[in-house]
Protein backbone atom coordinates (compact mmCIF):
# COMPACT_ATOMS: atom_id res chain seq x y z
CA MET A 1 -19.19 -13.47 -15.86
CA MET A 2 -15.86 -14.77 -15.46
CA ARG A 3 -15.35 -17.43 -12.79
CA VAL A 4 -13.00 -16.85 -9.88
CA THR A 5 -9.82 -18.91 -10.37
CA GLU A 6 -8.45 -21.17 -7.61
CA THR A 7 -5.75 -19.26 -6.16
CA VAL A 8 -7.61 -15.95 -6.53
CA LYS A 9 -10.27 -17.74 -4.54
CA GLN A 10 -7.84 -18.66 -1.99
CA LEU A 11 -6.40 -15.24 -1.68
CA ILE A 12 -9.81 -13.68 -1.41
CA ILE A 13 -10.77 -16.34 1.34
CA ILE A 14 -7.61 -15.38 3.41
CA ASN A 15 -8.26 -11.74 3.22
CA ILE A 16 -11.88 -12.37 4.51
CA ILE A 17 -10.56 -14.48 7.30
CA PHE A 18 -8.06 -11.79 8.41
CA PHE A 19 -10.99 -9.33 8.04
CA VAL A 20 -13.36 -11.24 10.27
CA GLY A 21 -10.79 -11.88 12.86
CA SER A 22 -9.90 -8.11 13.04
CA LEU A 23 -13.71 -7.42 13.64
CA ILE A 24 -13.61 -10.10 16.53
CA VAL A 25 -10.10 -9.06 18.09
CA GLY A 26 -10.64 -5.27 17.56
CA PRO A 27 -7.81 -2.69 17.63
CA ALA A 28 -5.31 -5.23 18.77
CA ALA A 29 -5.39 -6.99 15.41
CA ASP A 30 -4.06 -3.79 13.75
CA ASP A 31 -1.46 -3.37 16.40
CA ILE A 32 -0.14 -6.77 15.48
CA LEU A 33 -0.81 -7.25 11.79
CA ALA A 34 -0.88 -3.89 10.22
CA MET A 35 2.33 -2.27 8.95
CA HIS A 36 3.86 0.22 11.43
CA PHE A 37 6.68 2.57 11.07
CA PRO A 38 9.89 0.63 11.71
CA LEU A 39 10.96 2.77 14.68
CA ASN A 40 7.49 2.52 16.44
CA PRO A 41 7.49 0.05 19.21
CA ASP A 42 4.50 -1.57 17.44
CA PHE A 43 6.36 -2.56 14.51
CA LYS A 44 6.82 -6.45 13.96
CA VAL A 45 8.98 -8.22 11.45
CA TRP A 46 5.96 -10.19 9.98
CA GLN A 47 3.92 -6.99 9.19
CA PRO A 48 5.46 -6.05 5.65
CA LEU A 49 3.52 -9.46 4.78
CA THR A 50 0.69 -9.66 6.94
CA TYR A 51 -0.36 -5.97 6.26
CA MET A 52 -1.53 -6.81 2.75
CA PHE A 53 -4.23 -9.19 4.16
CA MET A 54 -5.58 -6.71 6.48
CA HIS A 55 -8.52 -4.11 5.61
CA ASP A 56 -10.13 -1.29 7.51
CA ARG A 57 -12.67 -3.01 9.66
CA HIS A 58 -14.53 0.38 9.92
CA ASN A 59 -14.97 0.50 6.08
CA PHE A 60 -16.43 -2.72 4.37
CA LEU A 61 -16.02 -1.09 1.07
CA HIS A 62 -12.35 -1.14 1.53
CA ILE A 63 -12.05 -4.98 1.30
CA ILE A 64 -14.96 -5.18 -1.18
CA PHE A 65 -13.49 -2.98 -3.76
CA ASN A 66 -10.14 -4.84 -3.20
CA MET A 67 -11.45 -8.24 -3.68
CA ILE A 68 -13.61 -7.39 -6.68
CA GLY A 69 -10.41 -6.08 -8.42
CA LEU A 70 -8.44 -9.09 -7.33
CA TRP A 71 -11.12 -11.38 -8.66
CA MET A 72 -11.46 -9.34 -12.06
CA PHE A 73 -7.84 -8.91 -12.96
CA GLY A 74 -6.21 -11.81 -10.90
CA SER A 75 -8.50 -14.42 -12.29
CA SER A 76 -7.60 -13.28 -15.99
CA LEU A 77 -3.66 -13.45 -15.05
CA GLU A 78 -3.93 -16.72 -13.31
CA GLN A 79 -5.61 -18.25 -16.46
CA VAL A 80 -2.30 -17.14 -18.40
CA TRP A 81 0.27 -17.52 -15.85
CA GLY A 82 -0.83 -20.39 -13.59
CA ALA A 83 -0.88 -20.29 -9.65
CA LYS A 84 2.66 -20.01 -8.76
CA LYS A 85 3.59 -17.16 -10.85
CA LEU A 86 0.44 -15.20 -9.85
CA ILE A 87 1.15 -15.62 -6.07
CA PHE A 88 4.89 -14.70 -6.54
CA PHE A 89 3.89 -11.71 -8.56
CA TYR A 90 1.06 -10.64 -6.00
CA ILE A 91 3.48 -10.93 -2.84
CA SER A 92 6.38 -9.15 -4.70
CA CYS A 93 4.08 -6.25 -5.55
CA GLY A 94 2.93 -5.87 -1.87
CA LEU A 95 6.28 -5.92 -0.64
CA GLY A 96 7.16 -3.22 -3.18
CA ALA A 97 4.12 -1.28 -1.98
CA VAL A 98 5.35 -1.22 1.57
CA ALA A 99 8.92 -0.61 0.68
CA LEU A 100 8.20 2.72 -1.21
CA HIS A 101 5.63 3.97 1.47
CA ILE A 102 7.95 3.41 4.34
CA GLY A 103 10.79 4.85 2.34
CA ILE A 104 8.75 8.13 1.77
CA ASP A 105 7.92 8.04 5.47
CA TYR A 106 11.56 7.69 6.58
CA TYR A 107 12.45 10.58 4.30
CA MET A 108 9.58 12.67 5.63
CA PHE A 109 10.33 11.57 9.22
CA ASN A 110 14.19 12.39 9.29
CA LYS A 111 13.44 15.76 7.54
CA ALA A 112 11.08 16.60 10.61
CA MET A 113 13.66 15.04 13.01
CA ALA A 114 16.35 17.38 11.71
CA VAL A 115 14.21 20.43 12.60
CA VAL A 116 13.37 19.12 16.04
CA GLU A 117 17.08 18.24 16.73
CA ALA A 118 17.83 21.85 15.98
CA SER A 119 15.78 22.71 19.09
CA GLY A 120 18.22 21.21 21.19
CA LEU A 121 16.63 17.65 21.79
CA THR A 122 18.57 14.63 20.85
CA ARG A 123 17.38 11.92 18.69
CA ASP A 124 17.07 9.38 21.35
CA GLN A 125 15.05 12.09 23.62
CA ILE A 126 12.66 12.35 20.60
CA LEU A 127 12.14 8.75 19.97
CA ALA A 128 11.54 7.98 23.79
CA ALA A 129 8.97 10.83 23.83
CA LEU A 130 7.28 9.58 20.67
CA SER A 131 7.12 5.99 21.89
CA THR A 132 5.50 6.94 25.35
CA GLU A 133 3.77 9.69 23.89
CA ASN A 134 5.27 11.96 26.43
CA LEU A 135 4.50 15.26 24.61
CA ASP A 136 5.61 17.37 27.48
CA VAL A 137 9.22 16.92 26.39
CA PHE A 138 8.31 19.06 23.34
CA GLN A 139 6.84 22.15 25.37
CA GLY A 140 8.82 25.18 24.99
CA LYS A 141 11.20 23.33 22.51
CA ILE A 142 9.27 23.44 19.21
CA ASP A 143 5.71 25.11 18.06
CA GLN A 144 2.73 23.03 17.18
CA ALA A 145 3.40 23.07 13.40
CA THR A 146 6.64 21.67 13.90
CA PHE A 147 5.27 19.01 16.29
CA ASN A 148 2.54 18.14 13.65
CA MET A 149 5.17 17.65 10.94
CA LEU A 150 6.98 15.12 13.06
CA ALA A 151 3.91 13.25 14.35
CA ASN A 152 2.29 13.20 11.00
CA SER A 153 5.53 12.07 9.13
CA GLY A 154 4.49 8.35 9.47
CA TYR A 155 5.67 7.49 12.90
CA TYR A 156 2.21 6.84 14.40
CA GLY A 157 0.50 5.53 11.04
CA ALA A 158 -0.40 2.02 10.15
CA MET A 159 -0.85 0.87 6.66
CA LEU A 160 -3.22 -2.07 5.73
CA GLY A 161 -4.85 -3.41 2.64
CA ALA A 162 -4.28 -5.23 -0.58
CA SER A 163 -4.31 -2.15 -2.78
CA GLY A 164 -0.66 -2.02 -3.28
CA ALA A 165 -0.42 -5.81 -4.54
CA LEU A 166 -3.77 -5.20 -6.44
CA TYR A 167 -2.22 -2.11 -8.38
CA GLY A 168 0.60 -4.32 -9.32
CA ILE A 169 -2.01 -6.75 -10.71
CA THR A 170 -3.71 -4.06 -12.45
CA VAL A 171 -0.50 -3.07 -14.20
CA ALA A 172 0.16 -6.70 -15.28
CA PHE A 173 -3.49 -6.82 -16.60
CA ALA A 174 -2.76 -3.87 -18.78
CA PHE A 175 0.38 -5.41 -20.09
CA VAL A 176 -1.52 -8.79 -20.97
CA TYR A 177 -4.64 -7.27 -22.19
CA PRO A 178 -3.96 -3.71 -23.19
CA ASP A 179 -6.69 -3.12 -25.57
CA VAL A 180 -9.41 -4.47 -23.24
CA PRO A 181 -11.88 -1.75 -22.14
CA MET A 182 -12.12 -0.84 -18.70
CA MET A 183 -14.44 1.56 -16.58
CA MET A 184 -14.13 3.35 -13.43
CA MET A 185 -17.13 3.42 -11.01
CA PHE A 186 -17.73 7.19 -11.37
CA ILE A 187 -16.57 7.36 -15.07
CA PRO A 188 -19.00 5.15 -16.99
CA ILE A 189 -16.90 5.42 -20.29
CA PRO A 190 -14.82 2.30 -21.52
CA ILE A 191 -11.20 3.18 -21.75
CA LYS A 192 -8.49 0.79 -22.88
CA ALA A 193 -6.50 -0.66 -20.08
CA LYS A 194 -3.08 0.82 -21.63
CA TYR A 195 -4.58 4.16 -21.13
CA LEU A 196 -6.71 3.94 -18.13
CA VAL A 197 -4.13 2.29 -15.70
CA PRO A 198 -1.46 5.03 -16.47
CA GLY A 199 -3.97 7.61 -15.77
CA LEU A 200 -4.80 6.07 -12.48
CA LEU A 201 -1.18 5.97 -11.52
CA ALA A 202 -0.77 9.82 -12.62
CA LEU A 203 -3.66 10.42 -10.23
CA ASP A 204 -2.13 8.60 -7.37
CA LEU A 205 1.19 10.48 -7.88
CA PHE A 206 -0.47 13.89 -7.84
CA LEU A 207 -2.72 12.91 -4.62
CA GLY A 208 0.63 11.41 -3.16
CA LEU A 209 2.64 14.46 -3.60
CA LYS A 210 -0.22 16.63 -2.34
CA GLY A 211 -0.58 14.67 0.73
CA GLN A 212 3.06 15.05 1.59
CA GLY A 213 2.64 18.85 1.43
CA ILE A 214 4.53 19.50 -1.79
CA PHE A 215 1.31 20.75 -3.60
CA GLY A 216 -0.74 21.53 -0.48
CA SER A 217 -1.30 20.37 3.06
CA GLY A 218 -2.94 17.42 4.60
CA GLY A 219 -3.70 14.00 3.41
CA ASP A 220 -6.74 11.81 2.54
CA GLY A 221 -5.84 8.76 4.57
CA ILE A 222 -4.81 6.75 1.48
CA ALA A 223 -1.46 5.40 0.99
CA HIS A 224 -1.07 6.74 -2.44
CA PHE A 225 2.77 5.88 -2.50
CA ALA A 226 2.06 2.37 -1.64
CA HIS A 227 -0.15 1.99 -4.82
CA LEU A 228 2.60 3.45 -6.84
CA GLY A 229 5.18 1.07 -5.06
CA GLY A 230 3.15 -1.98 -6.09
CA ALA A 231 2.68 -0.63 -9.66
CA LEU A 232 6.39 0.06 -10.01
CA ILE A 233 7.41 -3.57 -8.93
CA GLY A 234 4.60 -4.91 -11.21
CA PHE A 235 5.91 -2.81 -14.17
CA ILE A 236 9.41 -3.91 -13.67
CA MET A 237 8.79 -7.43 -13.41
CA MET A 238 6.35 -7.47 -16.49
CA TRP A 239 9.13 -5.56 -18.46
CA TYR A 240 11.70 -7.95 -17.38
CA TRP A 241 9.57 -11.21 -18.10
CA LYS A 242 8.40 -9.61 -21.43
CA LYS A 243 11.90 -8.86 -22.29
CA ASN A 244 13.13 -12.23 -21.64
CA SER A 245 10.11 -13.92 -23.07
CA PHE A 246 9.22 -15.37 -19.73
CA ASN A 247 5.60 -13.77 -19.68
CA ASN A 248 4.02 -16.92 -21.52
CA ASN A 249 5.76 -19.53 -19.51
CA ARG A 250 3.61 -21.07 -16.77
CA TRP A 251 5.45 -21.98 -13.66
CA ASN A 252 3.31 -24.96 -12.64
């Protein structure tokens, strides 16, 4: 069994501290540290960083699976890269995850806003009503379907978890160890990393589009575009490092 490397161990400890803290503090921890839509009053400037250390306190499997993945793939990369390069990569992928997720939310929110503004409400009136949850403003102006489109476009949502950063780590693992066999929990068949990781990303893309109503309706509560954002930044960084022969240089 591979030992956990020092930096990965510290990242796991930080995640556990945040998780235990959220259990003690309760919903207020999510209000302060999870990533909120930038137009929501609960948004804070530090949330694009702190969200990646928060996990669903109602679902222990969320943090368990993420930390197992961080240990398995992150430790292998730290042995090759060293601590500083791993931390830089991990945080960069986490930021890329939130950037794509919020970008998609902004697109969907503005699309919904255009429909609501056509009913005669101004943008300021809509934002004020959403921030105070004064839904009476919308009565007689828009139907329930239009309101659902607005409310579900990301304004009231909060993103948390290390999955986006972990997807970047997984992409890097496939770059460094392309022929290492990997297995999914529910598919006990070894598949080389260079095939399995793109397959997982394709599945995330499909589910993300389906959740946004392009293929169907409704979502599954998983930030699929955050996964893809972390993976995209991970791919770009690995491609750049490989092209410039930086992938084998330790930073520390």
